[in-house]
Amino acid sequence: MYGWTEVGLEVKIGATKDPKWAYEMGRVSGVEAAAIGCNWSFAPIVDINYNWRNPIISSRSFGSDPDLVLELSLAYMKGIQESGIAPAAKHWPGDGVDERDQHLSFSVNSLSTEEWDKTYGKVYKGLIDAGLPSIMAGHIHMPAYEKHFNPDIKDEELLPATLSKELTTDLLRGKLGFNGVVVTDASHMVGMTGAMKRSKLLPTSIAAGCDLFLFFNDPDEDFGYMMDGYKEGIITEERLQEALERILGLKAMLGLHKKAKTEILPPKEEALAKIGLPENTALFKQVADEAITLVKDKQDIWPVTPEKYKRLLLVDVKGVQGGFGALIGSKEKAVDMMKEMLEAQGFQVTVWESTEEKIMKLPEEERMAAIANVYAQKRPITDLTDNYDLIINLANVNPGTVQRIVWPASKGTPDIPFYIHEVPTIFVSVQYPYHLSDVPQVKTYINTYDSKKQTLELLVEKLMGRSEFKGKSAVDAYCGFVDTRI
């Protein structure tokens, strides 16, 4: 099985505040994608993370500053185009305001037209002016601009951008002047299918200004729906011709009409020789060193050395597994890797498994008694203070629809950092950048943005004072709360 070279997630690149890493992210993606025959990429993700609860772009956004998002997106676009790949910025007209998942429900960009122009509009206009060839439309409503272009529209007539002429033709093609290809996000997502029958939504997406819809449900059935839509006049002759010309224009821009199949898809050995080049794999560690972020530093705890904190309790903080984070997270358990690394530095490390995990390992006949004991059990605080010099909470929770920490039933176990005034405590989130909302009481909080081994090795170096924390959060890791800053 062959892998790919990771440079860093968008939020991690954002924490470096350096466009050269976004360029390298695009460049390496382009080299390796082109090597296996790809010529179109559904990236960069140019959404702006204004809502920390958003499940789609929590780690897949460059940040919450439109200027930074534009700067890094332009750099990414430059890098990937060097390999002859067409970028497709997404998710038009902009995700990151709502906190719902378009795979499962509707989603709304609720900004006013003025607010949108200064934020998402600024990003898209900057990319369009730089020659962006394609855009992926999201199943995202934007009532302000729909009503701007169609003052008579009723609330019940509002549609997501993939089905809205006001958003994809009037705003994107008209006001912003975009003349490239528009493809819908996946056509089976509820954000789209919840709007109308499939027999209507497919041709309506083309009529609205999209040139392609993404993913068949059933090829023959979907093609029939498209033909019916054309015959019924939902898709006009002019709109069909326009969509076809744009698709052919994108192919011509990539030179596909001049390339033999062997040029597009090189032999296996030649392709694999470009995957995982040493100079490209080396970038991951460089980005991690620049990105790891000491978000909150409110106690005199540094450096963390065996001389100061010999006995260390490492708490494995749990969440619901799945989603994009499950794909991008390390296959090795972060807590196990950290234990090994810290012990190699001379610490005595004890790992605390979650209460639920311990109970589930018990025989069935013992579980109920164990559950009852969780509620009844009280322990002296000296169980912690007499046995540990430092506690590190390690939260390895995947970004996704359910991305918060799943706390145990008991409030008296180390799963929850209730002991911050008893034992020096550090909370580290290795994937989701917004866990400070779950543990506002902690005084030292760190985001690493992924749980890969190289990243954790660098984290240990920084904990021990051998390397400085260089990252600057590109999102509001305090989640807009006052208590997270205390």
Protein backbone atom coordinates (compact mmCIF):
# COMPACT_ATOMS: atom_id res chain seq x y z
CA MET A 1 0.00 0.00 0.00
CA TYR A 2 1.38 3.39 -0.98
CA GLY A 3 0.80 6.59 0.97
CA TRP A 4 1.35 10.25 0.30
CA THR A 5 3.46 13.02 1.73
CA GLU A 6 1.82 15.21 4.34
CA VAL A 7 3.07 18.74 4.79
CA GLY A 8 0.44 19.89 7.27
CA LEU A 9 -3.25 20.53 7.78
CA GLU A 10 -4.60 23.94 6.85
CA VAL A 11 -4.99 25.08 10.47
CA LYS A 12 -1.42 23.97 11.13
CA ILE A 13 -0.11 25.86 8.12
CA GLY A 14 -2.09 28.86 9.35
CA ALA A 15 -0.34 28.69 12.73
CA THR A 16 3.01 29.23 11.01
CA LYS A 17 1.68 32.49 9.53
CA ASP A 18 4.10 31.87 6.65
CA PRO A 19 2.88 31.54 3.02
CA LYS A 20 5.95 29.54 2.03
CA TRP A 21 4.50 26.51 3.82
CA ALA A 22 1.16 26.91 2.04
CA TYR A 23 3.10 27.07 -1.22
CA GLU A 24 4.98 23.88 -0.29
CA MET A 25 1.69 22.22 0.66
CA GLY A 26 0.37 22.99 -2.81
CA ARG A 27 3.61 22.14 -4.58
CA VAL A 28 3.98 18.71 -2.96
CA SER A 29 0.31 17.95 -3.48
CA GLY A 30 0.74 18.84 -7.13
CA VAL A 31 3.86 16.74 -7.67
CA GLU A 32 2.35 13.63 -6.13
CA ALA A 33 -1.15 14.03 -7.55
CA ALA A 34 0.18 14.61 -11.06
CA ALA A 35 2.40 11.55 -10.69
CA ILE A 36 -0.67 9.32 -10.41
CA GLY A 37 -2.64 10.99 -13.20
CA CYS A 38 -4.65 13.66 -11.39
CA ASN A 39 -5.13 17.05 -13.05
CA TRP A 40 -7.86 18.69 -10.95
CA SER A 41 -7.77 19.33 -7.22
CA PHE A 42 -10.68 20.31 -4.98
CA ALA A 43 -8.46 22.70 -3.06
CA PRO A 44 -7.53 25.12 -1.63
CA ILE A 45 -10.11 25.22 1.15
CA VAL A 46 -10.73 28.95 1.49
CA ASP A 47 -13.38 28.90 4.20
CA ILE A 48 -12.95 31.24 7.16
CA ASN A 49 -13.40 29.72 10.60
CA TYR A 50 -15.60 32.18 12.48
CA ASN A 51 -17.50 29.55 14.47
CA TRP A 52 -15.38 27.25 16.63
CA ARG A 53 -18.21 24.71 16.68
CA ASN A 54 -18.13 24.24 12.90
CA PRO A 55 -17.62 20.50 12.22
CA ILE A 56 -16.45 20.73 8.61
CA ILE A 57 -13.47 23.07 8.69
CA SER A 58 -12.24 22.95 12.28
CA SER A 59 -8.82 21.77 11.07
CA ARG A 60 -9.39 22.37 7.36
CA SER A 61 -9.30 26.16 7.35
CA PHE A 62 -6.23 28.36 7.17
CA GLY A 63 -7.71 30.58 9.86
CA SER A 64 -10.21 33.23 10.89
CA ASP A 65 -8.48 36.22 9.26
CA PRO A 66 -9.58 36.83 5.62
CA ASP A 67 -6.24 38.40 4.74
CA LEU A 68 -4.31 35.37 6.01
CA VAL A 69 -6.69 32.95 4.29
CA LEU A 70 -6.26 34.80 1.00
CA GLU A 71 -2.48 35.00 1.31
CA LEU A 72 -2.09 31.29 2.07
CA SER A 73 -4.65 30.25 -0.54
CA LEU A 74 -2.83 32.20 -3.24
CA ALA A 75 0.43 30.53 -2.21
CA TYR A 76 -1.17 27.09 -2.30
CA MET A 77 -2.67 27.81 -5.72
CA LYS A 78 0.72 28.83 -7.07
CA GLY A 79 2.35 25.67 -5.75
CA ILE A 80 -0.15 23.17 -7.11
CA GLN A 81 -0.39 24.82 -10.54
CA GLU A 82 3.32 24.27 -11.08
CA SER A 83 2.48 20.60 -11.75
CA GLY A 84 -0.26 21.41 -14.24
CA ILE A 85 -3.12 20.83 -11.83
CA ALA A 86 -6.19 23.05 -11.78
CA PRO A 87 -7.17 24.18 -8.27
CA ALA A 88 -10.84 24.47 -7.27
CA ALA A 89 -11.38 26.75 -4.30
CA LYS A 90 -14.15 25.70 -1.92
CA HIS A 91 -16.79 25.86 -0.40
CA TRP A 92 -18.58 28.70 -2.22
CA PRO A 93 -20.01 31.04 -0.86
CA GLY A 94 -18.09 30.23 2.34
CA ASP A 95 -18.30 27.81 5.25
CA GLY A 96 -17.37 28.60 8.84
CA VAL A 97 -20.26 30.70 10.12
CA ASP A 98 -22.77 27.94 10.82
CA GLU A 99 -22.09 24.98 13.10
CA ARG A 100 -23.88 22.31 11.10
CA ASP A 101 -22.63 19.70 8.66
CA GLN A 102 -23.93 19.92 5.08
CA HIS A 103 -23.52 16.17 4.77
CA LEU A 104 -26.32 15.85 7.32
CA SER A 105 -28.38 19.06 7.23
CA PHE A 106 -28.78 22.52 5.76
CA SER A 107 -26.08 25.10 6.50
CA VAL A 108 -26.24 28.89 6.34
CA ASN A 109 -23.74 31.69 5.85
CA SER A 110 -25.69 34.35 7.77
CA LEU A 111 -23.43 37.35 7.11
CA SER A 112 -24.87 40.55 5.67
CA THR A 113 -23.84 41.54 2.15
CA GLU A 114 -21.44 44.14 3.59
CA GLU A 115 -19.88 41.64 6.01
CA TRP A 116 -19.53 39.03 3.28
CA ASP A 117 -17.89 41.48 0.87
CA LYS A 118 -15.20 42.28 3.45
CA THR A 119 -14.49 38.64 4.28
CA TYR A 120 -15.39 35.75 1.99
CA GLY A 121 -15.94 38.12 -0.91
CA LYS A 122 -12.46 39.55 -0.44
CA VAL A 123 -10.94 36.06 -0.52
CA TYR A 124 -12.83 34.90 -3.62
CA LYS A 125 -12.25 38.15 -5.50
CA GLY A 126 -8.52 37.96 -4.73
CA LEU A 127 -8.32 34.41 -6.05
CA ILE A 128 -10.41 35.18 -9.14
CA ASP A 129 -8.23 38.18 -9.97
CA ALA A 130 -5.19 35.87 -9.67
CA GLY A 131 -6.63 33.49 -12.28
CA LEU A 132 -8.47 30.87 -10.23
CA PRO A 133 -9.77 28.39 -12.85
CA SER A 134 -12.50 26.60 -10.89
CA ILE A 135 -14.64 26.69 -7.75
CA MET A 136 -16.58 24.08 -5.81
CA ALA A 137 -19.97 25.33 -4.70
CA GLY A 138 -21.09 24.24 -1.25
CA HIS A 139 -24.60 23.35 -0.13
CA ILE A 140 -24.65 26.57 1.85
CA HIS A 141 -27.46 29.13 1.98
CA MET A 142 -26.70 32.85 2.05
CA PRO A 143 -30.00 34.69 2.51
CA ALA A 144 -28.57 38.21 2.43
CA TYR A 145 -27.31 37.98 -1.13
CA GLU A 146 -30.22 35.88 -2.38
CA LYS A 147 -32.58 38.64 -1.19
CA HIS A 148 -30.25 41.32 -2.56
CA PHE A 149 -30.53 39.95 -6.08
CA ASN A 150 -34.13 38.78 -5.71
CA PRO A 151 -35.99 41.06 -3.27
CA ASP A 152 -39.26 39.19 -3.82
CA ILE A 153 -37.88 35.80 -2.79
CA LYS A 154 -39.64 34.19 0.17
CA ASP A 155 -37.78 32.42 2.97
CA GLU A 156 -39.21 29.07 1.92
CA GLU A 157 -37.76 29.64 -1.57
CA LEU A 158 -34.18 30.13 -0.38
CA LEU A 159 -31.73 27.57 -1.77
CA PRO A 160 -28.10 26.56 -1.19
CA ALA A 161 -25.48 27.96 -3.56
CA THR A 162 -25.45 24.75 -5.59
CA LEU A 163 -29.08 25.41 -6.56
CA SER A 164 -29.25 29.20 -6.33
CA LYS A 165 -29.02 31.34 -9.47
CA GLU A 166 -28.73 34.43 -7.25
CA LEU A 167 -25.57 33.11 -5.57
CA THR A 168 -23.82 31.21 -8.34
CA THR A 169 -24.76 33.28 -11.39
CA ASP A 170 -25.65 36.76 -10.14
CA LEU A 171 -23.06 37.03 -7.36
CA LEU A 172 -20.22 34.75 -8.45
CA ARG A 173 -20.34 35.20 -12.20
CA GLY A 174 -21.94 38.63 -12.26
CA LYS A 175 -20.62 40.75 -9.41
CA LEU A 176 -17.27 38.93 -8.95
CA GLY A 177 -16.72 38.28 -12.65
CA PHE A 178 -15.80 34.60 -12.37
CA ASN A 179 -15.77 32.84 -15.74
CA GLY A 180 -14.26 29.50 -14.75
CA VAL A 181 -15.78 26.11 -14.04
CA VAL A 182 -18.12 25.59 -11.08
CA VAL A 183 -18.65 22.08 -9.72
CA THR A 184 -21.10 21.21 -6.98
CA ASP A 185 -20.08 19.55 -3.75
CA ALA A 186 -21.22 15.92 -3.50
CA SER A 187 -24.75 15.60 -4.90
CA HIS A 188 -25.93 13.11 -2.28
CA MET A 189 -25.34 15.40 0.73
CA VAL A 190 -28.47 16.32 2.68
CA GLY A 191 -27.68 20.03 2.32
CA MET A 192 -28.58 19.54 -1.34
CA THR A 193 -31.01 16.61 -1.38
CA GLY A 194 -33.07 18.21 1.38
CA ALA A 195 -34.01 21.05 -0.98
CA MET A 196 -35.94 19.19 -3.69
CA LYS A 197 -36.38 15.90 -5.54
CA ARG A 198 -33.24 14.52 -7.14
CA SER A 199 -34.96 14.57 -10.52
CA LYS A 200 -35.16 18.36 -10.18
CA LEU A 201 -32.05 19.22 -8.18
CA LEU A 202 -29.60 17.85 -10.75
CA PRO A 203 -30.78 20.01 -13.69
CA THR A 204 -31.51 22.90 -11.31
CA SER A 205 -27.86 22.91 -10.21
CA ILE A 206 -26.80 23.40 -13.83
CA ALA A 207 -29.47 26.03 -14.41
CA ALA A 208 -28.26 27.89 -11.32
CA GLY A 209 -24.77 28.29 -12.81
CA CYS A 210 -22.90 25.11 -11.89
CA ASP A 211 -21.23 23.39 -14.81
CA LEU A 212 -20.84 19.94 -13.27
CA PHE A 213 -22.40 18.03 -10.40
CA LEU A 214 -20.22 15.81 -8.27
CA PHE A 215 -20.89 12.06 -7.90
CA PHE A 216 -23.62 9.99 -9.49
CA ASN A 217 -26.26 8.33 -7.40
CA ASP A 218 -27.03 5.96 -10.26
CA PRO A 219 -25.45 6.95 -13.62
CA ASP A 220 -28.33 5.90 -15.82
CA GLU A 221 -31.00 7.37 -13.57
CA ASP A 222 -29.11 10.64 -13.07
CA PHE A 223 -28.43 11.00 -16.79
CA GLY A 224 -32.14 10.51 -17.39
CA TYR A 225 -32.95 13.25 -14.89
CA MET A 226 -30.55 15.60 -16.67
CA MET A 227 -32.05 14.85 -20.09
CA ASP A 228 -35.55 15.37 -18.73
CA GLY A 229 -34.47 18.68 -17.23
CA TYR A 230 -33.06 19.74 -20.59
CA LYS A 231 -36.20 18.71 -22.47
CA GLU A 232 -38.42 20.48 -19.92
CA GLY A 233 -36.42 23.69 -20.28
CA ILE A 234 -34.95 23.73 -16.76
CA ILE A 235 -31.57 23.71 -18.51
CA THR A 236 -31.75 26.09 -21.46
CA GLU A 237 -29.80 25.58 -24.65
CA GLU A 238 -27.73 28.65 -23.83
CA ARG A 239 -26.91 27.41 -20.30
CA LEU A 240 -25.99 23.94 -21.59
CA GLN A 241 -23.69 25.39 -24.24
CA GLU A 242 -22.08 27.70 -21.69
CA ALA A 243 -21.39 24.83 -19.26
CA LEU A 244 -19.91 22.66 -22.00
CA GLU A 245 -17.65 25.47 -23.22
CA ARG A 246 -16.34 26.06 -19.72
CA ILE A 247 -15.62 22.37 -19.16
CA LEU A 248 -13.83 22.12 -22.50
CA GLY A 249 -12.01 25.35 -21.74
CA LEU A 250 -10.67 23.93 -18.45
CA LYS A 251 -9.49 20.80 -20.27
CA ALA A 252 -7.82 22.95 -22.90
CA MET A 253 -6.13 25.06 -20.22
CA LEU A 254 -4.62 21.83 -18.88
CA GLY A 255 -3.59 20.80 -22.39
CA LEU A 256 -5.50 17.53 -22.16
CA HIS A 257 -6.44 17.67 -25.84
CA LYS A 258 -2.74 17.51 -26.72
CA LYS A 259 -1.63 14.81 -24.27
CA ALA A 260 -1.42 11.09 -24.82
CA LYS A 261 -2.76 8.85 -22.06
CA THR A 262 0.78 7.87 -21.09
CA GLU A 263 1.61 11.54 -20.49
CA ILE A 264 -1.32 11.93 -18.14
CA LEU A 265 -0.83 8.61 -16.36
CA PRO A 266 2.85 7.66 -16.34
CA PRO A 267 4.08 4.10 -15.71
CA LYS A 268 3.72 2.89 -12.13
CA GLU A 269 7.43 2.88 -11.34
CA GLU A 270 7.88 6.40 -12.69
CA ALA A 271 4.90 7.65 -10.71
CA LEU A 272 5.91 6.05 -7.42
CA ALA A 273 9.41 7.49 -7.74
CA LYS A 274 7.86 10.93 -7.14
CA ILE A 275 5.95 9.92 -4.01
CA GLY A 276 7.68 10.56 -0.70
CA LEU A 277 10.78 12.32 -1.98
CA PRO A 278 13.13 13.01 0.96
CA GLU A 279 13.13 16.76 0.40
CA ASN A 280 9.32 16.71 0.54
CA THR A 281 8.90 14.45 3.55
CA ALA A 282 11.35 16.68 5.46
CA LEU A 283 8.86 19.55 5.24
CA PHE A 284 6.46 17.97 7.74
CA LYS A 285 8.87 18.33 10.65
CA GLN A 286 9.76 21.88 9.67
CA VAL A 287 6.10 22.90 9.60
CA ALA A 288 5.38 21.18 12.91
CA ASP A 289 8.26 23.00 14.57
CA GLU A 290 6.90 26.34 13.35
CA ALA A 291 3.25 25.53 14.12
CA ILE A 292 2.96 23.94 17.59
CA THR A 293 1.23 26.62 19.63
CA LEU A 294 1.42 27.45 23.32
CA VAL A 295 -2.04 29.02 23.43
CA LYS A 296 -2.33 29.64 27.16
CA ASP A 297 0.58 30.07 29.55
CA LYS A 298 -0.60 31.16 33.00
CA GLN A 299 1.63 29.26 35.43
CA ASP A 300 5.30 29.02 36.23
CA ILE A 301 5.91 25.52 34.93
CA TRP A 302 8.82 25.65 32.49
CA PRO A 303 10.93 23.76 31.68
CA VAL A 304 9.40 20.32 32.17
CA THR A 305 12.33 18.16 33.20
CA PRO A 306 12.75 14.94 35.23
CA GLU A 307 14.59 16.95 37.89
CA LYS A 308 11.49 19.09 38.52
CA TYR A 309 8.69 16.63 37.66
CA LYS A 310 9.98 13.08 37.97
CA ARG A 311 6.60 11.37 38.47
CA LEU A 312 4.31 12.13 35.58
CA LEU A 313 0.67 11.11 35.04
CA LEU A 314 -0.36 11.02 31.40
CA VAL A 315 -4.15 11.17 30.99
CA ASP A 316 -5.69 9.81 27.80
CA VAL A 317 -8.64 12.15 27.09
CA LYS A 318 -11.31 10.63 24.88
CA GLY A 319 -13.81 11.74 22.28
CA VAL A 320 -16.00 10.16 19.62
CA GLN A 321 -13.84 8.69 16.90
CA GLY A 322 -14.60 9.13 13.19
CA GLY A 323 -14.87 11.84 10.55
CA PHE A 324 -12.03 13.58 8.72
CA GLY A 325 -9.85 13.44 11.83
CA ALA A 326 -9.91 9.65 11.79
CA LEU A 327 -8.38 9.78 8.30
CA ILE A 328 -5.67 12.28 9.12
CA GLY A 329 -4.79 11.15 12.64
CA SER A 330 -1.92 8.82 13.44
CA LYS A 331 -2.64 5.08 13.52
CA GLU A 332 -0.52 4.78 16.67
CA LYS A 333 -2.05 5.97 19.92
CA ALA A 334 -0.70 9.36 20.85
CA VAL A 335 -0.65 8.53 24.57
CA ASP A 336 1.48 5.43 23.97
CA MET A 337 3.96 7.34 21.84
CA MET A 338 4.17 10.13 24.42
CA LYS A 339 4.76 7.66 27.25
CA GLU A 340 7.65 6.08 25.39
CA MET A 341 9.18 9.45 24.51
CA LEU A 342 8.91 10.84 28.03
CA GLU A 343 10.30 7.70 29.63
CA ALA A 344 13.25 7.90 27.26
CA GLN A 345 13.93 11.34 28.76
CA GLY A 346 14.01 9.96 32.31
CA PHE A 347 10.42 10.57 33.50
CA GLN A 348 8.46 7.96 35.44
CA VAL A 349 5.22 7.85 33.46
CA THR A 350 1.87 6.39 34.45
CA VAL A 351 -0.95 6.35 31.88
CA TRP A 352 -4.52 6.87 33.05
CA GLU A 353 -7.11 5.14 30.89
CA SER A 354 -10.60 6.57 30.86
CA THR A 355 -12.99 5.14 33.40
CA GLU A 356 -15.35 3.91 30.69
CA GLU A 357 -12.55 2.16 28.84
CA LYS A 358 -11.54 0.25 31.97
CA ILE A 359 -15.13 -0.74 32.72
CA MET A 360 -15.79 -1.98 29.19
CA LYS A 361 -12.85 -4.37 29.52
CA LEU A 362 -14.47 -6.05 32.52
CA PRO A 363 -16.61 -9.20 32.22
CA GLU A 364 -20.27 -8.31 31.76
CA GLU A 365 -21.28 -9.51 35.22
CA GLU A 366 -18.77 -7.12 36.83
CA ARG A 367 -19.67 -4.00 34.83
CA MET A 368 -22.78 -2.89 36.73
CA ALA A 369 -20.99 -3.04 40.05
CA ALA A 370 -18.08 -1.10 38.59
CA ILE A 371 -20.43 1.55 37.18
CA ALA A 372 -22.13 1.94 40.55
CA ASN A 373 -18.72 2.25 42.18
CA VAL A 374 -17.80 5.14 39.87
CA TYR A 375 -20.65 7.20 41.31
CA ALA A 376 -20.05 6.16 44.90
CA GLN A 377 -16.27 6.38 44.95
CA LYS A 378 -14.53 9.34 46.57
CA ARG A 379 -10.76 9.60 46.91
CA PRO A 380 -8.49 11.87 48.89
CA ILE A 381 -6.71 14.46 46.81
CA THR A 382 -3.46 13.09 48.23
CA ASP A 383 -3.89 10.13 45.86
CA LEU A 384 -2.72 12.61 43.23
CA THR A 385 -0.51 15.00 45.17
CA ASP A 386 1.50 12.24 46.87
CA ASN A 387 2.10 10.25 43.70
CA TYR A 388 2.57 12.72 40.86
CA ASP A 389 4.63 15.84 40.26
CA LEU A 390 2.96 16.78 36.96
CA ILE A 391 -0.16 15.76 35.04
CA ILE A 392 -0.39 16.01 31.25
CA ASN A 393 -3.84 15.64 29.69
CA LEU A 394 -3.54 14.48 26.09
CA ALA A 395 -6.74 14.98 24.06
CA ASN A 396 -6.70 13.05 20.81
CA VAL A 397 -10.20 13.83 19.55
CA ASN A 398 -10.97 13.79 15.84
CA PRO A 399 -12.37 16.92 14.23
CA GLY A 400 -15.80 16.11 12.83
CA THR A 401 -19.50 16.21 13.51
CA VAL A 402 -18.91 15.21 17.15
CA GLN A 403 -15.59 16.78 18.12
CA ARG A 404 -15.97 17.63 21.77
CA ILE A 405 -14.47 15.70 24.68
CA VAL A 406 -16.61 12.89 26.04
CA TRP A 407 -16.36 13.24 29.80
CA PRO A 408 -16.85 10.28 32.16
CA ALA A 409 -19.80 9.92 34.50
CA SER A 410 -17.65 10.59 37.55
CA LYS A 411 -16.21 14.02 38.33
CA GLY A 412 -13.51 12.66 40.62
CA THR A 413 -11.25 10.79 38.22
CA PRO A 414 -8.24 12.24 36.38
CA ASP A 415 -10.12 12.19 33.07
CA ILE A 416 -11.30 15.71 33.93
CA PRO A 417 -8.60 18.19 35.03
CA PHE A 418 -10.30 19.20 38.29
CA TYR A 419 -6.92 19.19 40.07
CA ILE A 420 -5.21 22.14 38.42
CA HIS A 421 -4.66 23.87 41.77
CA GLU A 422 -3.36 20.65 43.37
CA VAL A 423 -0.82 19.36 40.84
CA PRO A 424 0.84 21.29 37.98
CA THR A 425 -1.20 20.43 34.88
CA ILE A 426 -0.67 20.80 31.12
CA PHE A 427 -3.47 20.17 28.63
CA VAL A 428 -2.43 19.24 25.09
CA SER A 429 -4.88 18.89 22.20
CA VAL A 430 -3.23 16.98 19.36
CA GLN A 431 -5.94 17.38 16.72
CA TYR A 432 -8.89 19.65 17.45
CA PRO A 433 -7.77 23.27 18.00
CA TYR A 434 -10.73 24.35 20.16
CA HIS A 435 -10.58 22.15 23.25
CA LEU A 436 -9.88 25.07 25.54
CA SER A 437 -13.65 25.56 25.50
CA ASP A 438 -13.96 22.21 27.30
CA VAL A 439 -11.25 22.91 29.88
CA PRO A 440 -11.25 26.69 30.50
CA GLN A 441 -9.83 26.11 34.00
CA VAL A 442 -6.43 24.86 32.78
CA LYS A 443 -3.54 27.31 32.98
CA THR A 444 -1.32 25.77 30.32
CA TYR A 445 -2.88 24.73 27.01
CA ILE A 446 -1.12 23.61 23.80
CA ASN A 447 -2.33 22.83 20.26
CA THR A 448 -0.17 20.54 18.10
CA TYR A 449 -2.77 20.15 15.28
CA ASP A 450 -1.96 16.48 14.64
CA SER A 451 -0.87 13.37 16.54
CA LYS A 452 1.92 12.18 14.28
CA LYS A 453 5.10 10.86 15.88
CA GLN A 454 7.36 13.63 14.58
CA THR A 455 4.99 16.25 15.94
CA LEU A 456 4.92 14.65 19.38
CA GLU A 457 8.71 14.39 19.41
CA LEU A 458 8.91 18.12 18.78
CA LEU A 459 6.32 18.70 21.50
CA VAL A 460 8.52 16.89 24.02
CA GLU A 461 11.48 19.04 22.98
CA LYS A 462 9.43 22.17 23.54
CA LEU A 463 8.06 20.97 26.88
CA MET A 464 11.60 20.37 28.08
CA GLY A 465 12.75 23.83 27.04
CA ARG A 466 15.08 22.65 24.28
CA SER A 467 13.03 24.37 21.59
CA GLU A 468 10.76 27.39 21.74
CA PHE A 469 7.05 27.44 20.95
CA LYS A 470 6.85 29.30 17.64
CA GLY A 471 3.25 28.84 16.47
CA LYS A 472 0.67 31.64 16.60
CA SER A 473 -2.92 30.41 16.49
CA ALA A 474 -4.66 31.34 13.23
CA VAL A 475 -8.05 30.73 14.83
CA ASP A 476 -9.65 31.90 18.07
CA ALA A 477 -8.52 29.05 20.30
CA TYR A 478 -10.21 30.84 23.23
CA CYS A 479 -13.55 30.29 21.42
CA GLY A 480 -14.80 33.78 22.20
CA PHE A 481 -15.18 33.07 25.91
CA VAL A 482 -13.88 35.14 28.81
CA ASP A 483 -13.29 32.20 31.14
CA THR A 484 -10.90 30.46 28.74
CA ARG A 485 -8.49 33.37 29.20
CA ILE A 486 -8.47 33.31 33.01
